Amino acid sequence: MKPMYCLTIAVVAASLAAAPAQAQGYPNKPVRIIIDSAPGSTVDVVTRVFADKLGEFVGVQFVTVNQPGGGASIAARLAATSPPDGYTLYSPAASVFATLPGAASNLPLHLPRDFVPIGFVSEQRSAEPGDRNEKTA
């Protein structure tokens, strides 16, 4: 099974291309994408590739902002307190919405209520060592 990376870019890009019909002139300034991990991480690299391609398609720069630390609570708080104007996107690791509410219950935000999902950028596969001589289906 192939990752859904290309399909998701097309879906998100198509939704942004349709945005001018809803809001005249959107996007007309750079869009910020908040990442909850350090530069060089899988989420960072995938988000940067996605941001470059999306920027080329839409014609506006998408700027990635790394906010690692606090078990992703720093980035989540920054994203949740940003104006809901479409100029801030949040690209968390997939596990954040499952783990953060229990790990940081004192946050002044509620996951996922305070966020509007717009799609998946990619999927990351996991593997474990096995017998290389073992036949797979």
C-alpha atoms as a PDB file:
ATOM      1  CA  MET A   1       0.000   0.000   0.000  1.00  0.00           C
ATOM      2  CA  LYS A   2       1.407   3.410  -0.946  1.00  0.00           C
ATOM      3  CA  PRO A   3       1.347   6.352   1.467  1.00  0.00           C
ATOM      4  CA  MET A   4      -1.488   8.755   0.804  1.00  0.00           C
ATOM      5  CA  TYR A   5       0.890  11.721   0.639  1.00  0.00           C
ATOM      6  CA  CYS A   6       0.185  12.759  -2.992  1.00  0.00           C
ATOM      7  CA  LEU A   7      -3.555  12.309  -2.659  1.00  0.00           C
ATOM      8  CA  THR A   8      -3.674  14.417   0.477  1.00  0.00           C
ATOM      9  CA  ILE A   9      -1.669  17.216  -1.111  1.00  0.00           C
ATOM     10  CA  ALA A  10      -4.152  17.280  -3.967  1.00  0.00           C
ATOM     11  CA  VAL A  11      -7.150  17.323  -1.622  1.00  0.00           C
ATOM     12  CA  VAL A  12      -5.760  20.071   0.609  1.00  0.00           C
ATOM     13  CA  ALA A  13      -4.504  22.078  -2.363  1.00  0.00           C
ATOM     14  CA  ALA A  14      -7.889  21.799  -4.050  1.00  0.00           C
ATOM     15  CA  SER A  15      -9.603  23.047  -0.912  1.00  0.00           C
ATOM     16  CA  LEU A  16      -7.241  26.001  -0.700  1.00  0.00           C
ATOM     17  CA  ALA A  17      -7.742  26.754  -4.384  1.00  0.00           C
ATOM     18  CA  ALA A  18     -11.489  26.902  -3.737  1.00  0.00           C
ATOM     19  CA  ALA A  19     -10.990  29.265  -0.781  1.00  0.00           C
ATOM     20  CA  PRO A  20     -11.134  32.484  -2.877  1.00  0.00           C
ATOM     21  CA  ALA A  21     -14.772  31.714  -3.621  1.00  0.00           C
ATOM     22  CA  GLN A  22     -15.428  31.783   0.118  1.00  0.00           C
ATOM     23  CA  ALA A  23     -13.024  34.503   1.268  1.00  0.00           C
ATOM     24  CA  GLN A  24     -11.908  37.055  -1.291  1.00  0.00           C
ATOM     25  CA  GLY A  25      -8.144  37.012  -1.713  1.00  0.00           C
ATOM     26  CA  TYR A  26      -7.251  34.081   0.549  1.00  0.00           C
ATOM     27  CA  PRO A  27      -4.424  33.375   0.956  1.00  0.00           C
ATOM     28  CA  ASN A  28      -2.829  36.754   0.457  1.00  0.00           C
ATOM     29  CA  LYS A  29       0.021  36.434   2.963  1.00  0.00           C
ATOM     30  CA  PRO A  30       2.296  33.614   4.173  1.00  0.00           C
ATOM     31  CA  VAL A  31       0.653  30.730   6.004  1.00  0.00           C
ATOM     32  CA  ARG A  32       2.363  29.420   9.128  1.00  0.00           C
ATOM     33  CA  ILE A  33       2.547  25.669   9.824  1.00  0.00           C
ATOM     34  CA  ILE A  34       3.363  24.848  13.443  1.00  0.00           C
ATOM     35  CA  ILE A  35       5.288  21.607  13.977  1.00  0.00           C
ATOM     36  CA  ASP A  36       5.484  19.976  17.409  1.00  0.00           C
ATOM     37  CA  SER A  37       8.876  18.347  16.899  1.00  0.00           C
ATOM     38  CA  ALA A  38      12.492  19.311  16.351  1.00  0.00           C
ATOM     39  CA  PRO A  39      14.047  20.146  12.978  1.00  0.00           C
ATOM     40  CA  GLY A  40      15.090  16.988  11.172  1.00  0.00           C
ATOM     41  CA  SER A  41      12.363  14.804  12.659  1.00  0.00           C
ATOM     42  CA  THR A  42      10.048  12.811  10.408  1.00  0.00           C
ATOM     43  CA  VAL A  43       7.150  15.205  11.014  1.00  0.00           C
ATOM     44  CA  ASP A  44       9.410  18.185  10.250  1.00  0.00           C
ATOM     45  CA  VAL A  45      10.798  16.783   6.996  1.00  0.00           C
ATOM     46  CA  VAL A  46       7.416  15.648   5.680  1.00  0.00           C
ATOM     47  CA  THR A  47       5.786  18.962   6.625  1.00  0.00           C
ATOM     48  CA  ARG A  48       8.533  20.987   4.930  1.00  0.00           C
ATOM     49  CA  VAL A  49       8.191  19.010   1.682  1.00  0.00           C
ATOM     50  CA  PHE A  50       4.415  19.401   1.883  1.00  0.00           C
ATOM     51  CA  ALA A  51       4.712  23.149   2.601  1.00  0.00           C
ATOM     52  CA  ASP A  52       7.023  23.715  -0.383  1.00  0.00           C
ATOM     53  CA  LYS A  53       4.725  21.887  -2.800  1.00  0.00           C
ATOM     54  CA  LEU A  54       1.597  23.506  -1.424  1.00  0.00           C
ATOM     55  CA  GLY A  55       3.210  26.938  -1.661  1.00  0.00           C
ATOM     56  CA  GLU A  56       4.134  26.337  -5.303  1.00  0.00           C
ATOM     57  CA  PHE A  57       0.578  25.254  -6.064  1.00  0.00           C
ATOM     58  CA  VAL A  58      -1.210  28.075  -4.252  1.00  0.00           C
ATOM     59  CA  GLY A  59       1.357  30.803  -4.934  1.00  0.00           C
ATOM     60  CA  VAL A  60       1.865  31.817  -1.306  1.00  0.00           C
ATOM     61  CA  GLN A  61       4.713  30.862   1.016  1.00  0.00           C
ATOM     62  CA  PHE A  62       3.998  28.277   3.704  1.00  0.00           C
ATOM     63  CA  VAL A  63       6.430  28.796   6.591  1.00  0.00           C
ATOM     64  CA  THR A  64       7.194  25.968   9.003  1.00  0.00           C
ATOM     65  CA  VAL A  65       7.692  26.858  12.666  1.00  0.00           C
ATOM     66  CA  ASN A  66       9.193  24.225  14.969  1.00  0.00           C
ATOM     67  CA  GLN A  67       7.959  24.342  18.575  1.00  0.00           C
ATOM     68  CA  PRO A  68       9.275  21.144  20.166  1.00  0.00           C
ATOM     69  CA  GLY A  69       9.056  20.333  23.838  1.00  0.00           C
ATOM     70  CA  GLY A  70       6.549  19.787  26.578  1.00  0.00           C
ATOM     71  CA  GLY A  71       5.311  16.572  25.006  1.00  0.00           C
ATOM     72  CA  ALA A  72       3.869  18.635  22.128  1.00  0.00           C
ATOM     73  CA  SER A  73       1.951  20.923  24.496  1.00  0.00           C
ATOM     74  CA  ILE A  74       3.961  24.022  23.495  1.00  0.00           C
ATOM     75  CA  ALA A  75       3.049  23.676  19.823  1.00  0.00           C
ATOM     76  CA  ALA A  76      -0.561  22.697  20.589  1.00  0.00           C
ATOM     77  CA  ARG A  77      -1.016  25.754  22.808  1.00  0.00           C
ATOM     78  CA  LEU A  78       0.498  28.064  20.192  1.00  0.00           C
ATOM     79  CA  ALA A  79      -1.735  26.633  17.477  1.00  0.00           C
ATOM     80  CA  ALA A  80      -4.879  26.717  19.630  1.00  0.00           C
ATOM     81  CA  THR A  81      -4.372  30.341  20.626  1.00  0.00           C
ATOM     82  CA  SER A  82      -3.702  31.545  17.082  1.00  0.00           C
ATOM     83  CA  PRO A  83      -6.492  33.433  15.308  1.00  0.00           C
ATOM     84  CA  PRO A  84      -8.801  31.032  13.438  1.00  0.00           C
ATOM     85  CA  ASP A  85      -8.248  32.856  10.149  1.00  0.00           C
ATOM     86  CA  GLY A  86      -6.700  30.060   8.071  1.00  0.00           C
ATOM     87  CA  TYR A  87      -3.183  31.494   8.272  1.00  0.00           C
ATOM     88  CA  THR A  88      -2.007  29.060  10.945  1.00  0.00           C
ATOM     89  CA  LEU A  89      -1.968  25.310  10.419  1.00  0.00           C
ATOM     90  CA  TYR A  90      -0.880  22.704  12.957  1.00  0.00           C
ATOM     91  CA  SER A  91       1.047  19.599  11.886  1.00  0.00           C
ATOM     92  CA  PRO A  92       1.323  17.322  14.925  1.00  0.00           C
ATOM     93  CA  ALA A  93       2.592  13.781  15.141  1.00  0.00           C
ATOM     94  CA  ALA A  94      -0.339  11.396  14.808  1.00  0.00           C
ATOM     95  CA  SER A  95      -0.134  10.356  18.453  1.00  0.00           C
ATOM     96  CA  VAL A  96      -0.554  13.862  19.897  1.00  0.00           C
ATOM     97  CA  PHE A  97      -4.346  13.863  19.947  1.00  0.00           C
ATOM     98  CA  ALA A  98      -4.328  10.518  21.765  1.00  0.00           C
ATOM     99  CA  THR A  99      -1.566  11.168  24.304  1.00  0.00           C
ATOM    100  CA  LEU A 100      -1.573  14.892  25.082  1.00  0.00           C
ATOM    101  CA  PRO A 101      -4.935  15.110  26.894  1.00  0.00           C
ATOM    102  CA  GLY A 102      -3.801  12.540  29.465  1.00  0.00           C
ATOM    103  CA  ALA A 103      -0.226  13.748  29.722  1.00  0.00           C
ATOM    104  CA  ALA A 104      -0.989  17.451  30.033  1.00  0.00           C
ATOM    105  CA  SER A 105      -4.529  17.719  31.371  1.00  0.00           C
ATOM    106  CA  ASN A 106      -3.897  21.247  32.691  1.00  0.00           C
ATOM    107  CA  LEU A 107      -3.602  22.781  29.204  1.00  0.00           C
ATOM    108  CA  PRO A 108      -6.037  25.632  28.477  1.00  0.00           C
ATOM    109  CA  LEU A 109      -7.255  23.814  25.378  1.00  0.00           C
ATOM    110  CA  HIS A 110      -9.228  20.747  24.536  1.00  0.00           C
ATOM    111  CA  LEU A 111      -8.040  18.254  21.950  1.00  0.00           C
ATOM    112  CA  PRO A 112      -9.548  17.739  19.418  1.00  0.00           C
ATOM    113  CA  ARG A 113     -12.372  20.262  20.033  1.00  0.00           C
ATOM    114  CA  ASP A 114     -10.114  23.299  19.528  1.00  0.00           C
ATOM    115  CA  PHE A 115      -8.870  22.116  16.123  1.00  0.00           C
ATOM    116  CA  VAL A 116     -10.531  21.573  12.765  1.00  0.00           C
ATOM    117  CA  PRO A 117      -9.040  18.630  10.844  1.00  0.00           C
ATOM    118  CA  ILE A 118      -8.342  19.335   7.172  1.00  0.00           C
ATOM    119  CA  GLY A 119      -6.633  16.096   6.169  1.00  0.00           C
ATOM    120  CA  PHE A 120      -3.661  13.801   6.452  1.00  0.00           C
ATOM    121  CA  VAL A 121      -0.283  14.693   4.960  1.00  0.00           C
ATOM    122  CA  SER A 122       1.324  11.267   5.174  1.00  0.00           C
ATOM    123  CA  GLU A 123       1.429   8.041   7.053  1.00  0.00           C
ATOM    124  CA  GLN A 124       4.432   6.518   8.723  1.00  0.00           C
ATOM    125  CA  ARG A 125       4.937   2.783   8.726  1.00  0.00           C
ATOM    126  CA  SER A 126       6.527   0.870  11.549  1.00  0.00           C
ATOM    127  CA  ALA A 127       8.511  -2.308  11.164  1.00  0.00           C
ATOM    128  CA  GLU A 128      10.059  -4.858  13.418  1.00  0.00           C
ATOM    129  CA  PRO A 129      13.003  -7.134  12.820  1.00  0.00           C
ATOM    130  CA  GLY A 130      12.060 -10.558  11.618  1.00  0.00           C
ATOM    131  CA  ASP A 131      13.417 -13.642   9.971  1.00  0.00           C
ATOM    132  CA  ARG A 132      14.594 -12.558   6.514  1.00  0.00           C
ATOM    133  CA  ASN A 133      14.093 -16.093   5.260  1.00  0.00           C
ATOM    134  CA  GLU A 134      10.436 -16.048   6.282  1.00  0.00           C
ATOM    135  CA  LYS A 135       8.027 -15.891   3.346  1.00  0.00           C
ATOM    136  CA  THR A 136       5.550 -13.044   3.332  1.00  0.00           C
ATOM    137  CA  ALA A 137       2.151 -13.005   1.702  1.00  0.00           C
END
